[in-house]
């Protein structure tokens, strides 16, 4: 959880949080969509560190990701459950075993 707190802190203080999150995702070996024109609207989905964010732009998806990450850290539970399900799936136990 400390790592997620660090990411949240970096995004909260960044001038361009979407650019910071994009660099983090790419450094982690993930994919990021090609740059969109400022007036183009596309559904953007970000999945990073067990948290998902959606929006009609990179900035909106980043804001949603950040909001969901905060909820996860604060113990809302919904996002932690998804992370635990993913962890169990990656160990071969299957996500349904904890739901």
C-alpha atoms as a PDB file:
ATOM      1  CA  UNK A   1       0.000   0.000   0.000  1.00  0.00           C
ATOM      2  CA  UNK A   2       2.959   2.321   0.596  1.00  0.00           C
ATOM      3  CA  UNK A   3       3.808   2.197  -3.107  1.00  0.00           C
ATOM      4  CA  UNK A   4       0.263   3.246  -4.033  1.00  0.00           C
ATOM      5  CA  UNK A   5       0.502   6.114  -1.520  1.00  0.00           C
ATOM      6  CA  UNK A   6       3.738   7.254  -3.186  1.00  0.00           C
ATOM      7  CA  UNK A   7       2.102   7.209  -6.625  1.00  0.00           C
ATOM      8  CA  UNK A   8      -0.894   9.165  -5.327  1.00  0.00           C
ATOM      9  CA  UNK A   9       1.441  11.750  -3.798  1.00  0.00           C
ATOM     10  CA  UNK A  10       3.372  12.178  -7.042  1.00  0.00           C
ATOM     11  CA  UNK A  11       0.192  12.606  -9.068  1.00  0.00           C
ATOM     12  CA  UNK A  12      -1.340  15.069  -6.600  1.00  0.00           C
ATOM     13  CA  UNK A  13       1.672  17.369  -6.839  1.00  0.00           C
ATOM     14  CA  UNK A  14       2.316  16.999 -10.571  1.00  0.00           C
ATOM     15  CA  UNK A  15       1.682  19.819 -13.024  1.00  0.00           C
ATOM     16  CA  UNK A  16       0.492  17.226 -15.562  1.00  0.00           C
ATOM     17  CA  UNK A  17      -0.689  14.117 -13.674  1.00  0.00           C
ATOM     18  CA  UNK A  18      -1.642  12.291 -16.891  1.00  0.00           C
ATOM     19  CA  UNK A  19       1.911  12.631 -18.202  1.00  0.00           C
ATOM     20  CA  UNK A  20       3.360  11.377 -14.909  1.00  0.00           C
ATOM     21  CA  UNK A  21       1.010   8.385 -14.829  1.00  0.00           C
ATOM     22  CA  UNK A  22       1.733   7.656 -18.506  1.00  0.00           C
ATOM     23  CA  UNK A  23       5.472   7.536 -17.769  1.00  0.00           C
ATOM     24  CA  UNK A  24       4.903   5.250 -14.776  1.00  0.00           C
ATOM     25  CA  UNK A  25       2.770   2.850 -16.818  1.00  0.00           C
ATOM     26  CA  UNK A  26       5.305   2.739 -19.661  1.00  0.00           C
ATOM     27  CA  UNK A  27       8.258   2.290 -17.266  1.00  0.00           C
ATOM     28  CA  UNK A  28       6.381  -0.643 -15.744  1.00  0.00           C
ATOM     29  CA  UNK A  29       6.129  -2.281 -19.180  1.00  0.00           C
ATOM     30  CA  UNK A  30       2.511  -1.313 -19.792  1.00  0.00           C
ATOM     31  CA  UNK A  31       0.857   0.251 -22.825  1.00  0.00           C
ATOM     32  CA  UNK A  32      -0.480   3.764 -23.249  1.00  0.00           C
ATOM     33  CA  UNK A  33      -2.628   4.914 -26.179  1.00  0.00           C
ATOM     34  CA  UNK A  34      -1.123   7.164 -28.820  1.00  0.00           C
ATOM     35  CA  UNK A  35      -1.474  10.865 -28.092  1.00  0.00           C
ATOM     36  CA  UNK A  36      -4.931  12.224 -28.751  1.00  0.00           C
ATOM     37  CA  UNK A  37      -5.698  15.624 -30.186  1.00  0.00           C
ATOM     38  CA  UNK A  38      -6.940  17.972 -27.440  1.00  0.00           C
ATOM     39  CA  UNK A  39     -10.447  18.179 -28.951  1.00  0.00           C
ATOM     40  CA  UNK A  40     -10.772  14.411 -29.595  1.00  0.00           C
ATOM     41  CA  UNK A  41     -12.891  12.387 -27.196  1.00  0.00           C
ATOM     42  CA  UNK A  42     -12.246   8.681 -26.783  1.00  0.00           C
ATOM     43  CA  UNK A  43     -12.939   6.369 -23.905  1.00  0.00           C
ATOM     44  CA  UNK A  44      -9.612   5.886 -22.145  1.00  0.00           C
ATOM     45  CA  UNK A  45      -9.083   3.101 -19.602  1.00  0.00           C
ATOM     46  CA  UNK A  46      -6.091   2.969 -17.276  1.00  0.00           C
ATOM     47  CA  UNK A  47      -5.280  -0.203 -15.329  1.00  0.00           C
ATOM     48  CA  UNK A  48      -2.265   0.221 -13.080  1.00  0.00           C
ATOM     49  CA  UNK A  49      -1.292  -1.319  -9.745  1.00  0.00           C
ATOM     50  CA  UNK A  50      -4.654  -3.011  -9.346  1.00  0.00           C
ATOM     51  CA  UNK A  51      -6.636   0.206  -9.838  1.00  0.00           C
ATOM     52  CA  UNK A  52      -8.714   1.136 -12.890  1.00  0.00           C
ATOM     53  CA  UNK A  53      -9.705   4.585 -14.135  1.00  0.00           C
ATOM     54  CA  UNK A  54     -11.977   5.590 -17.032  1.00  0.00           C
ATOM     55  CA  UNK A  55     -12.635   8.851 -18.828  1.00  0.00           C
ATOM     56  CA  UNK A  56     -13.211  10.491 -22.200  1.00  0.00           C
ATOM     57  CA  UNK A  57      -9.661  11.853 -22.205  1.00  0.00           C
ATOM     58  CA  UNK A  58      -6.302  10.923 -20.703  1.00  0.00           C
ATOM     59  CA  UNK A  59      -6.722  13.673 -18.102  1.00  0.00           C
ATOM     60  CA  UNK A  60     -10.230  12.496 -17.121  1.00  0.00           C
ATOM     61  CA  UNK A  61      -9.125   8.849 -16.899  1.00  0.00           C
ATOM     62  CA  UNK A  62      -6.135   9.888 -14.775  1.00  0.00           C
ATOM     63  CA  UNK A  63      -8.396  11.866 -12.410  1.00  0.00           C
ATOM     64  CA  UNK A  64     -10.702   8.840 -12.119  1.00  0.00           C
ATOM     65  CA  UNK A  65      -7.742   6.509 -11.527  1.00  0.00           C
ATOM     66  CA  UNK A  66      -6.458   8.821  -8.791  1.00  0.00           C
ATOM     67  CA  UNK A  67      -9.884   8.981  -7.131  1.00  0.00           C
ATOM     68  CA  UNK A  68     -10.166   5.183  -7.185  1.00  0.00           C
ATOM     69  CA  UNK A  69      -6.611   4.766  -5.853  1.00  0.00           C
ATOM     70  CA  UNK A  70      -7.446   7.079  -2.929  1.00  0.00           C
ATOM     71  CA  UNK A  71     -10.528   4.965  -2.160  1.00  0.00           C
ATOM     72  CA  UNK A  72      -8.411   1.839  -2.232  1.00  0.00           C
ATOM     73  CA  UNK A  73      -5.879   3.295   0.197  1.00  0.00           C
ATOM     74  CA  UNK A  74      -8.612   4.644   2.488  1.00  0.00           C
ATOM     75  CA  UNK A  75      -9.995   1.134   2.789  1.00  0.00           C
ATOM     76  CA  UNK A  76     -13.202   1.454   0.809  1.00  0.00           C
ATOM     77  CA  UNK A  77     -12.771  -2.259   0.159  1.00  0.00           C
ATOM     78  CA  UNK A  78     -14.131  -2.561  -3.371  1.00  0.00           C
ATOM     79  CA  UNK A  79     -10.800  -1.953  -5.064  1.00  0.00           C
ATOM     80  CA  UNK A  80      -8.854  -4.016  -2.561  1.00  0.00           C
ATOM     81  CA  UNK A  81     -11.159  -6.947  -3.286  1.00  0.00           C
ATOM     82  CA  UNK A  82     -10.389  -6.651  -6.992  1.00  0.00           C
ATOM     83  CA  UNK A  83      -6.659  -6.570  -6.216  1.00  0.00           C
ATOM     84  CA  UNK A  84      -6.919  -9.669  -3.997  1.00  0.00           C
ATOM     85  CA  UNK A  85      -8.897 -11.444  -6.726  1.00  0.00           C
ATOM     86  CA  UNK A  86      -6.184 -10.602  -9.256  1.00  0.00           C
ATOM     87  CA  UNK A  87      -3.474 -11.773  -6.836  1.00  0.00           C
ATOM     88  CA  UNK A  88      -5.232 -15.099  -6.325  1.00  0.00           C
ATOM     89  CA  UNK A  89      -5.750 -15.519 -10.065  1.00  0.00           C
ATOM     90  CA  UNK A  90      -2.042 -14.953 -10.674  1.00  0.00           C
ATOM     91  CA  UNK A  91      -1.138 -17.676  -8.161  1.00  0.00           C
ATOM     92  CA  UNK A  92      -3.393 -20.188  -9.903  1.00  0.00           C
ATOM     93  CA  UNK A  93      -6.035 -20.278  -7.185  1.00  0.00           C
ATOM     94  CA  UNK A  94      -8.680 -18.639  -9.332  1.00  0.00           C
ATOM     95  CA  UNK A  95     -10.435 -15.437  -8.419  1.00  0.00           C
ATOM     96  CA  UNK A  96     -13.725 -17.150  -7.584  1.00  0.00           C
ATOM     97  CA  UNK A  97     -12.145 -18.794  -4.536  1.00  0.00           C
ATOM     98  CA  UNK A  98     -12.233 -15.532  -2.574  1.00  0.00           C
ATOM     99  CA  UNK A  99     -15.477 -13.972  -3.804  1.00  0.00           C
END
